[in-house]
N, C-alpha and C. Protein backbone atom coordinates (compact mmCIF):
# COMPACT_ATOMS: atom_id res chain seq x y z
N MET A 1 82.64 54.66 115.08
CA MET A 1 82.46 55.67 114.49
C MET A 1 82.86 57.01 114.86
N HIS A 2 82.89 56.91 116.03
CA HIS A 2 83.39 58.36 116.78
C HIS A 2 84.75 58.39 116.43
N ARG A 3 85.45 57.20 116.37
CA ARG A 3 86.98 57.41 116.10
C ARG A 3 87.24 57.93 114.50
N ASP A 4 86.42 57.71 113.74
CA ASP A 4 86.32 58.18 112.05
C ASP A 4 86.29 59.55 112.17
N ALA A 5 85.42 59.99 112.92
CA ALA A 5 84.98 61.54 113.00
C ALA A 5 86.13 62.25 113.75
N ASP A 6 86.96 61.65 114.70
CA ASP A 6 88.02 62.40 115.16
C ASP A 6 89.30 62.11 114.11
N ALA A 7 89.48 61.05 113.47
CA ALA A 7 90.19 60.90 112.29
C ALA A 7 90.05 62.11 111.18
N ASP A 8 88.75 62.36 110.78
CA ASP A 8 88.59 63.31 109.87
C ASP A 8 88.61 64.76 109.99
N THR A 9 88.79 64.96 111.89
CA THR A 9 89.14 66.20 112.71
C THR A 9 90.70 66.38 112.26
N ASP A 10 91.27 65.21 112.79
CA ASP A 10 92.61 65.53 112.51
C ASP A 10 93.20 65.84 111.14
N ALA A 11 92.75 65.14 109.79
CA ALA A 11 92.83 65.46 108.76
C ALA A 11 92.58 66.67 108.41
N ASP A 12 91.53 67.28 108.55
CA ASP A 12 90.87 68.47 108.32
C ASP A 12 91.80 69.54 108.69
N ALA A 13 92.46 69.56 110.17
CA ALA A 13 93.25 70.46 110.90
C ALA A 13 94.63 70.29 110.25
N GLU A 14 94.93 69.30 109.93
CA GLU A 14 96.25 69.19 109.15
C GLU A 14 96.60 69.89 107.93
N SER A 15 95.24 69.59 107.08
CA SER A 15 95.27 70.07 105.59
C SER A 15 95.19 71.55 105.53
N PHE A 16 94.03 71.86 106.74
CA PHE A 16 94.10 73.40 107.14
C PHE A 16 95.39 74.06 107.19
N THR A 17 96.26 73.36 108.04
CA THR A 17 97.61 74.07 108.40
C THR A 17 98.16 74.19 107.61
N GLU A 18 98.60 73.05 106.54
CA GLU A 18 99.58 72.93 105.32
C GLU A 18 98.75 74.47 104.11
N TYR A 19 97.86 74.47 104.53
CA TYR A 19 97.21 75.70 103.44
C TYR A 19 97.68 76.64 103.81
N ALA A 20 97.41 77.15 105.16
CA ALA A 20 97.81 78.50 105.75
C ALA A 20 99.11 78.74 105.67
N ILE A 21 99.87 77.90 105.94
CA ILE A 21 101.61 77.98 105.75
C ILE A 21 101.54 78.03 104.44
N THR A 22 101.09 78.16 103.88
CA THR A 22 101.36 78.44 102.17
C THR A 22 100.82 79.71 101.36
N ALA A 23 99.83 79.61 102.33
CA ALA A 23 99.13 80.99 101.74
C ALA A 23 99.16 82.14 102.44
N ARG A 24 99.88 82.01 103.27
CA ARG A 24 99.95 83.29 104.34
C ARG A 24 100.80 84.64 103.58
N ALA A 25 101.75 84.41 103.24
CA ALA A 25 102.61 85.48 102.34
C ALA A 25 101.90 85.81 101.56
N ASP A 26 101.00 85.29 100.64
CA ASP A 26 100.13 85.76 99.72
C ASP A 26 99.20 86.92 100.51
N LEU A 27 98.63 86.41 101.23
CA LEU A 27 97.54 87.02 101.79
C LEU A 27 98.20 88.22 102.63
N LYS A 28 99.13 87.96 102.98
CA LYS A 28 99.64 89.23 103.84
C LYS A 28 99.80 90.15 102.83
N ARG A 29 100.84 89.66 101.89
CA ARG A 29 101.05 90.87 100.92
C ARG A 29 99.75 91.73 100.07
N GLN A 30 98.64 90.95 99.89
CA GLN A 30 97.41 91.54 99.51
C GLN A 30 96.76 92.53 100.63
N ALA A 31 96.62 91.86 101.86
CA ALA A 31 96.19 92.87 103.08
C ALA A 31 96.85 94.26 102.98
N PHE A 32 98.33 94.08 102.85
CA PHE A 32 99.15 95.06 103.03
C PHE A 32 99.00 96.15 102.02
N LEU A 33 98.41 95.67 100.96
CA LEU A 33 98.00 96.67 99.71
C LEU A 33 96.86 97.33 100.21
N LEU A 34 96.00 96.64 100.63
CA LEU A 34 94.75 97.06 100.88
C LEU A 34 94.96 98.20 102.19
N CYS A 35 95.52 97.82 103.13
CA CYS A 35 95.48 98.60 104.12
C CYS A 35 96.33 99.57 104.38
N GLY A 36 97.84 99.25 103.92
CA GLY A 36 98.65 100.15 104.12
C GLY A 36 99.74 99.97 105.29
N ASP A 37 99.04 99.26 106.23
CA ASP A 37 100.04 99.02 107.67
C ASP A 37 100.07 97.07 107.65
N TRP A 38 101.70 97.17 107.94
CA TRP A 38 101.54 95.85 108.11
C TRP A 38 101.25 94.91 109.49
N HIS A 39 101.05 95.84 110.71
CA HIS A 39 99.96 95.09 111.60
C HIS A 39 98.49 94.78 111.28
N GLU A 40 97.79 95.72 110.94
CA GLU A 40 96.61 95.57 110.16
C GLU A 40 96.81 94.46 109.15
N ALA A 41 97.94 94.18 108.64
CA ALA A 41 97.50 93.33 107.47
C ALA A 41 97.62 91.81 108.08
N ASP A 42 98.34 91.79 109.44
CA ASP A 42 98.24 90.55 109.75
C ASP A 42 97.15 90.25 110.53
N ASP A 43 96.44 91.30 111.21
CA ASP A 43 95.07 90.86 111.69
C ASP A 43 93.99 90.61 110.64
N LEU A 44 94.14 91.25 109.23
CA LEU A 44 92.74 90.76 108.37
C LEU A 44 93.50 89.25 108.02
N VAL A 45 94.64 88.88 107.89
CA VAL A 45 95.17 87.63 107.59
C VAL A 45 94.45 86.22 108.68
N GLN A 46 94.89 86.97 109.87
CA GLN A 46 94.38 86.04 110.91
C GLN A 46 92.93 85.93 111.22
N ASP A 47 92.01 87.01 110.91
CA ASP A 47 90.63 86.92 110.86
C ASP A 47 90.06 86.17 109.54
N THR A 48 90.85 86.07 108.25
CA THR A 48 90.89 85.59 106.97
C THR A 48 90.88 83.92 107.48
N LEU A 49 92.21 83.65 108.04
CA LEU A 49 92.36 82.27 108.10
C LEU A 49 91.38 81.68 109.03
N THR A 50 90.98 82.50 110.27
CA THR A 50 89.97 81.82 111.11
C THR A 50 88.92 81.78 110.50
N ASN A 51 88.01 82.48 109.86
CA ASN A 51 86.93 82.15 109.05
C ASN A 51 87.05 81.01 108.14
N MET A 52 88.28 80.87 107.27
CA MET A 52 88.14 79.46 106.58
C MET A 52 88.31 78.33 107.34
N TYR A 53 88.97 78.54 108.70
CA TYR A 53 89.22 77.31 109.68
C TYR A 53 88.15 76.78 109.97
N CYS A 54 86.86 77.79 110.38
CA CYS A 54 85.85 77.57 110.93
C CYS A 54 85.00 76.76 109.88
N ARG A 55 85.50 76.84 108.25
CA ARG A 55 84.64 76.58 107.55
C ARG A 55 85.17 75.21 106.46
N TRP A 56 86.55 75.18 107.08
CA TRP A 56 87.22 74.20 106.42
C TRP A 56 86.48 73.08 105.80
N PRO A 57 85.71 72.47 106.53
CA PRO A 57 85.37 71.02 105.37
C PRO A 57 84.73 71.24 104.36
N ASN A 58 84.18 72.63 104.45
CA ASN A 58 83.01 72.83 103.13
C ASN A 58 84.00 73.46 102.04
N VAL A 59 84.95 74.15 102.76
CA VAL A 59 85.63 75.36 101.51
C VAL A 59 87.00 74.60 100.84
N SER A 60 87.32 73.15 101.85
CA SER A 60 88.15 72.30 101.18
C SER A 60 87.82 71.49 100.28
N ARG A 61 86.57 71.29 100.42
CA ARG A 61 85.95 70.44 99.73
C ARG A 61 85.67 71.11 97.89
N ARG A 62 85.40 72.30 98.08
CA ARG A 62 85.04 73.33 96.78
C ARG A 62 86.28 73.36 95.56
N GLY A 63 87.36 73.54 96.71
CA GLY A 63 88.51 73.40 95.56
C GLY A 63 89.37 74.74 95.32
N GLU A 64 88.53 75.77 95.46
CA GLU A 64 89.04 76.83 95.14
C GLU A 64 89.15 77.85 96.33
N LEU A 65 90.81 77.24 96.80
CA LEU A 65 91.02 77.89 98.32
C LEU A 65 91.21 79.30 98.02
N GLU A 66 92.17 79.69 96.82
CA GLU A 66 92.72 81.01 96.78
C GLU A 66 91.62 81.87 96.70
N SER A 67 91.09 81.70 95.46
CA SER A 67 89.75 82.42 95.30
C SER A 67 88.95 82.83 96.46
N TYR A 68 88.87 82.22 97.44
CA TYR A 68 87.75 82.02 98.69
C TYR A 68 88.72 82.47 99.55
N ALA A 69 89.77 82.55 99.78
CA ALA A 69 90.47 83.11 101.01
C ALA A 69 90.66 84.75 100.38
N HIS A 70 91.03 85.10 99.10
CA HIS A 70 91.04 86.39 98.52
C HIS A 70 89.80 87.04 98.60
N THR A 71 88.61 86.34 98.45
CA THR A 71 87.44 86.93 98.65
C THR A 71 86.85 87.53 100.04
N ALA A 72 87.37 86.62 100.99
CA ALA A 72 87.16 86.79 102.51
C ALA A 72 87.97 87.69 102.89
N LEU A 73 89.31 88.00 102.68
CA LEU A 73 90.13 89.09 102.81
C LEU A 73 89.47 90.29 102.60
N VAL A 74 89.21 90.37 101.20
CA VAL A 74 88.63 91.84 100.61
C VAL A 74 87.30 92.02 101.39
N ARG A 75 86.57 91.15 101.55
CA ARG A 75 85.49 91.54 102.14
C ARG A 75 85.50 91.54 103.80
N ARG A 76 86.93 91.07 104.54
CA ARG A 76 86.87 91.55 105.71
C ARG A 76 87.20 92.79 105.82
N PHE A 77 88.63 93.51 104.88
CA PHE A 77 88.68 94.62 104.77
C PHE A 77 87.71 95.55 104.99
N LEU A 78 86.89 95.57 103.64
CA LEU A 78 86.00 96.37 103.44
C LEU A 78 85.01 96.61 104.54
N SER A 79 84.84 95.48 105.39
CA SER A 79 83.88 95.72 106.46
C SER A 79 84.51 96.35 107.71
N VAL A 80 85.57 95.81 108.22
CA VAL A 80 86.22 96.44 109.25
C VAL A 80 86.44 98.05 108.98
N ARG A 81 86.69 98.57 107.87
CA ARG A 81 87.00 100.01 107.20
C ARG A 81 85.27 100.56 107.26
N ARG A 82 84.42 99.90 106.94
CA ARG A 82 82.94 100.27 107.15
C ARG A 82 83.26 100.55 108.95
N GLN A 83 83.19 99.61 109.75
CA GLN A 83 83.13 99.78 110.92
C GLN A 83 84.07 101.04 111.92
N THR A 84 85.18 101.30 111.20
CA THR A 84 85.86 102.19 111.55
C THR A 84 86.34 103.46 110.43
N ARG A 85 85.34 104.07 110.27
CA ARG A 85 85.25 104.87 109.34
C ARG A 85 86.13 106.26 109.82
N TRP A 86 86.21 106.52 111.23
CA TRP A 86 86.55 107.75 111.41
C TRP A 86 88.31 107.69 111.57
N ARG A 87 88.69 106.55 111.52
CA ARG A 87 89.81 106.26 111.55
C ARG A 87 90.97 106.48 110.23
N ARG A 88 91.57 107.57 110.31
CA ARG A 88 92.42 107.93 109.15
C ARG A 88 93.76 108.48 109.54
N GLU A 89 94.38 107.48 110.47
CA GLU A 89 95.64 107.87 110.52
C GLU A 89 96.77 107.06 109.18
N ILE A 90 97.71 107.95 108.85
CA ILE A 90 98.37 107.26 108.05
C ILE A 90 99.64 107.45 108.48
N PRO A 91 100.47 105.95 108.62
CA PRO A 91 101.66 106.09 109.48
C PRO A 91 102.81 106.24 108.07
N HIS A 92 103.88 106.79 108.70
CA HIS A 92 105.09 107.49 108.07
C HIS A 92 106.01 106.23 107.76
N PRO A 93 106.49 105.97 106.79
CA PRO A 93 107.79 105.36 106.87
C PRO A 93 109.09 104.96 107.47
N ALA A 94 109.13 106.53 108.03
CA ALA A 94 110.34 106.72 109.07
C ALA A 94 110.13 107.62 109.89
N PRO A 95 110.61 107.85 111.29
CA PRO A 95 110.55 108.70 112.32
C PRO A 95 111.12 110.18 111.53
N PRO A 96 110.90 111.71 111.89
CA PRO A 96 111.17 112.42 111.05
C PRO A 96 112.72 112.63 111.23
N ASP A 97 113.58 112.24 112.60
CA ASP A 97 114.87 112.62 113.06
C ASP A 97 115.67 111.76 112.34
N GLN A 98 115.16 110.74 111.53
CA GLN A 98 116.05 109.68 110.70
C GLN A 98 116.30 110.31 109.34
N PRO A 99 117.68 110.60 108.74
CA PRO A 99 117.80 110.57 107.67
C PRO A 99 117.28 109.99 106.47
N ARG A 100 116.61 110.04 105.59
CA ARG A 100 116.43 109.28 104.39
C ARG A 100 117.33 108.89 103.53
N THR A 101 117.08 107.67 102.68
CA THR A 101 118.33 107.37 101.80
C THR A 101 117.69 108.10 100.34
N HIS A 102 118.44 107.78 99.76
CA HIS A 102 117.73 108.45 97.97
C HIS A 102 117.70 107.15 97.12
N ASP A 103 117.21 106.47 97.65
CA ASP A 103 116.48 104.95 96.82
C ASP A 103 115.18 105.59 96.26
N HIS A 104 115.22 105.67 94.91
CA HIS A 104 114.06 106.38 94.12
C HIS A 104 113.21 105.31 93.71
N ALA A 105 113.61 104.04 93.74
CA ALA A 105 112.31 102.90 93.78
C ALA A 105 111.69 102.92 95.13
N ALA A 106 112.41 102.84 96.18
CA ALA A 106 111.27 102.84 97.41
C ALA A 106 110.59 103.95 97.82
N ASP A 107 111.18 105.27 97.24
CA ASP A 107 110.33 106.37 97.23
C ASP A 107 109.20 106.30 96.23
N ASP A 108 109.39 106.10 95.04
CA ASP A 108 108.02 105.51 94.46
C ASP A 108 107.13 104.97 95.00
N ARG A 109 107.83 103.70 95.80
CA ARG A 109 106.66 102.81 96.25
C ARG A 109 106.03 103.43 97.50
N ILE A 110 106.66 104.09 98.18
CA ILE A 110 106.13 104.81 99.45
C ILE A 110 105.07 105.75 99.06
N SER A 111 105.23 106.53 97.58
CA SER A 111 104.32 107.52 96.92
C SER A 111 103.05 106.95 96.54
N MET A 112 103.27 105.83 96.01
CA MET A 112 102.13 104.77 95.47
C MET A 112 101.22 104.42 96.67
N LEU A 113 102.02 103.90 97.80
CA LEU A 113 100.93 103.35 98.82
C LEU A 113 100.41 104.86 99.62
N ALA A 114 100.95 105.83 99.77
CA ALA A 114 100.36 106.72 100.03
C ALA A 114 99.50 107.50 99.59
N TRP A 115 99.22 107.26 98.10
CA TRP A 115 98.12 107.40 97.23
C TRP A 115 97.33 106.66 97.09
N LEU A 116 97.45 105.33 97.50
CA LEU A 116 96.28 104.30 97.84
C LEU A 116 95.74 104.37 98.91
N ARG A 117 96.46 104.59 99.98
CA ARG A 117 95.72 105.46 101.46
C ARG A 117 94.74 106.50 101.30
N ARG A 118 94.91 107.33 100.25
CA ARG A 118 93.94 108.38 100.20
C ARG A 118 92.57 108.03 99.42
N LEU A 119 92.52 106.62 99.04
CA LEU A 119 91.48 106.42 97.98
C LEU A 119 90.86 105.87 99.39
N PRO A 120 89.30 105.86 99.00
CA PRO A 120 88.12 105.36 99.69
C PRO A 120 88.51 103.80 99.55
N PRO A 121 87.90 103.02 100.59
CA PRO A 121 88.52 101.59 100.79
C PRO A 121 88.11 100.62 99.36
N ARG A 122 86.72 101.00 99.18
CA ARG A 122 86.21 100.03 98.11
C ARG A 122 87.12 100.56 96.36
N GLN A 123 87.66 101.94 96.41
CA GLN A 123 88.20 102.09 95.31
C GLN A 123 89.74 101.42 95.59
N ARG A 124 90.45 101.71 96.65
CA ARG A 124 91.57 100.97 96.95
C ARG A 124 91.37 99.58 96.65
N ALA A 125 90.57 98.81 96.90
CA ALA A 125 90.15 97.22 96.86
C ALA A 125 90.26 97.28 95.43
N VAL A 126 89.72 98.04 94.76
CA VAL A 126 89.34 97.62 92.87
C VAL A 126 90.53 97.94 92.14
N ILE A 127 91.33 98.92 92.91
CA ILE A 127 92.92 99.00 92.43
C ILE A 127 93.60 97.94 92.64
N VAL A 128 93.82 97.66 93.78
CA VAL A 128 94.50 96.71 94.26
C VAL A 128 93.90 95.19 93.44
N LEU A 129 93.25 95.01 93.37
CA LEU A 129 92.47 93.51 92.82
C LEU A 129 92.83 93.55 91.07
N ARG A 130 92.06 94.63 90.71
CA ARG A 130 92.28 94.82 89.32
C ARG A 130 93.90 94.95 88.95
N PHE A 131 94.86 95.69 89.69
CA PHE A 131 96.26 95.61 89.08
C PHE A 131 97.44 95.15 89.55
N TRP A 132 96.93 94.92 90.97
CA TRP A 132 98.19 94.10 91.76
C TRP A 132 98.08 92.74 91.64
N GLU A 133 96.70 91.94 91.52
CA GLU A 133 96.52 90.89 91.72
C GLU A 133 96.08 90.43 90.40
N ASP A 134 95.58 91.53 89.19
CA ASP A 134 95.54 91.03 87.99
C ASP A 134 94.44 90.14 87.72
N LEU A 135 93.07 90.90 88.51
CA LEU A 135 91.85 90.16 87.99
C LEU A 135 90.76 90.49 87.19
N SER A 136 90.19 89.65 86.53
CA SER A 136 89.06 90.68 85.86
C SER A 136 88.31 91.27 86.50
N ILE A 137 87.29 92.25 85.52
CA ILE A 137 86.25 92.88 86.23
C ILE A 137 85.47 92.07 87.11
N ARG A 138 85.07 90.91 86.44
CA ARG A 138 84.07 89.90 86.94
C ARG A 138 84.82 89.28 88.46
N GLN A 139 85.96 89.36 88.30
CA GLN A 139 86.67 88.39 89.22
C GLN A 139 86.82 89.34 90.33
N THR A 140 87.02 90.75 90.32
CA THR A 140 86.74 91.68 91.19
C THR A 140 85.42 91.91 91.88
N ALA A 141 84.77 91.94 90.84
CA ALA A 141 83.45 92.01 91.49
C ALA A 141 82.95 90.75 92.44
N GLU A 142 82.97 89.48 92.12
CA GLU A 142 82.81 88.51 93.04
C GLU A 142 83.70 88.48 94.32
N ALA A 143 85.02 88.94 94.29
CA ALA A 143 85.65 88.95 95.32
C ALA A 143 85.20 90.22 96.43
N MET A 144 84.64 91.19 95.85
CA MET A 144 84.05 92.19 96.75
C MET A 144 82.60 92.13 96.98
N GLY A 145 81.84 91.39 96.47
CA GLY A 145 80.79 91.16 96.74
C GLY A 145 79.61 92.25 96.26
N VAL A 146 79.94 92.90 95.09
CA VAL A 146 79.22 93.85 94.17
C VAL A 146 79.16 93.52 92.72
N SER A 147 78.46 94.37 92.12
CA SER A 147 78.19 94.24 90.49
C SER A 147 79.65 94.52 89.74
N PRO A 148 79.55 94.18 88.76
CA PRO A 148 80.58 94.71 87.72
C PRO A 148 80.70 96.43 87.47
N GLY A 149 79.48 96.82 87.10
CA GLY A 149 79.00 98.06 86.94
C GLY A 149 79.74 98.65 88.32
N THR A 150 79.47 98.19 89.65
CA THR A 150 79.84 98.83 90.92
C THR A 150 81.92 98.85 90.64
N VAL A 151 82.26 97.85 90.38
CA VAL A 151 83.81 97.92 90.06
C VAL A 151 84.22 99.24 89.08
N ALA A 152 83.67 98.79 88.04
CA ALA A 152 83.89 99.84 86.91
C ALA A 152 83.70 101.38 87.18
N SER A 153 82.71 101.63 88.01
CA SER A 153 82.44 103.04 88.31
C SER A 153 83.67 103.17 89.69
N GLN A 154 83.99 102.29 90.36
CA GLN A 154 85.02 102.55 91.32
C GLN A 154 86.23 103.00 91.02
N HIS A 155 86.27 101.96 89.86
CA HIS A 155 87.77 101.77 89.07
C HIS A 155 87.96 103.32 88.34
N HIS A 156 86.97 103.77 87.73
CA HIS A 156 86.97 104.87 87.04
C HIS A 156 87.17 105.95 88.20
N LYS A 157 86.27 106.11 89.40
CA LYS A 157 87.02 107.36 90.01
C LYS A 157 88.20 107.05 90.94
N ALA A 158 88.83 105.72 91.18
CA ALA A 158 89.88 105.64 91.84
C ALA A 158 90.99 106.17 90.62
N LEU A 159 90.98 105.89 89.61
CA LEU A 159 91.88 106.44 88.63
C LEU A 159 92.03 108.02 88.38
N ALA A 160 90.81 108.61 88.59
CA ALA A 160 90.56 110.03 88.49
C ALA A 160 91.33 110.72 89.47
N THR A 161 91.11 110.10 90.76
CA THR A 161 91.95 110.55 92.28
C THR A 161 93.34 110.49 91.97
N LEU A 162 93.63 109.22 91.43
CA LEU A 162 95.16 108.98 91.22
C LEU A 162 95.70 109.82 89.97
N ARG A 163 95.31 109.94 89.23
CA ARG A 163 95.32 111.14 88.00
C ARG A 163 95.68 112.67 88.73
N GLN A 164 95.08 112.99 89.44
CA GLN A 164 94.45 114.32 89.78
C GLN A 164 95.60 114.53 90.91
N SER A 165 96.20 113.24 91.76
CA SER A 165 97.28 113.45 92.73
C SER A 165 98.63 113.47 92.05
N LEU A 166 98.58 112.94 90.86
CA LEU A 166 99.73 113.10 90.14
C LEU A 166 100.07 114.33 89.26
N ALA A 167 98.65 115.01 88.91
CA ALA A 167 98.98 116.41 88.38
C ALA A 167 99.13 117.16 89.21
N ASP A 168 98.77 117.31 90.68
CA ASP A 168 99.04 118.37 91.75
C ASP A 168 100.59 118.10 92.16
N LEU A 169 101.33 117.06 91.83
CA LEU A 169 102.74 117.44 91.99
C LEU A 169 103.40 117.88 90.90
N ARG A 170 102.90 118.05 90.03
CA ARG A 170 103.86 118.93 88.82
C ARG A 170 103.51 120.26 88.93
């Protein structure tokens, strides 16, 4: 009987490893969109995967791995932001002494990421989940652990802030 438990543990570890390898890139992309920093994104993904590994036998049996992982990632992001509210560092894409290229698409992406960083964490999470991940209001609410009404109000506030940012450019 002890041998069967070891075999189950080995199979769980192997299936988790396969999942982590395939899911890591998508999780890191979503984490970057949420936090705007590749190093912090790595930390969020690592925390999410660690959380999943600790619960792997139960999580893998439910079969909704992608949904669970994205929910865990968003909730971890929001939790970290609540714990470090004072941190308002805004990384710059290049040191000031380097010449900038005139890649307008890159400039647009940098501007959008800068605008996202100005949003409070919950508003940023709503924008990323609704527009980049194309989740419904219900799915976004589930991922964030809030009501659909909260998603709608955060969505409205975030878009108003982004519209004002665009108006200020003109």
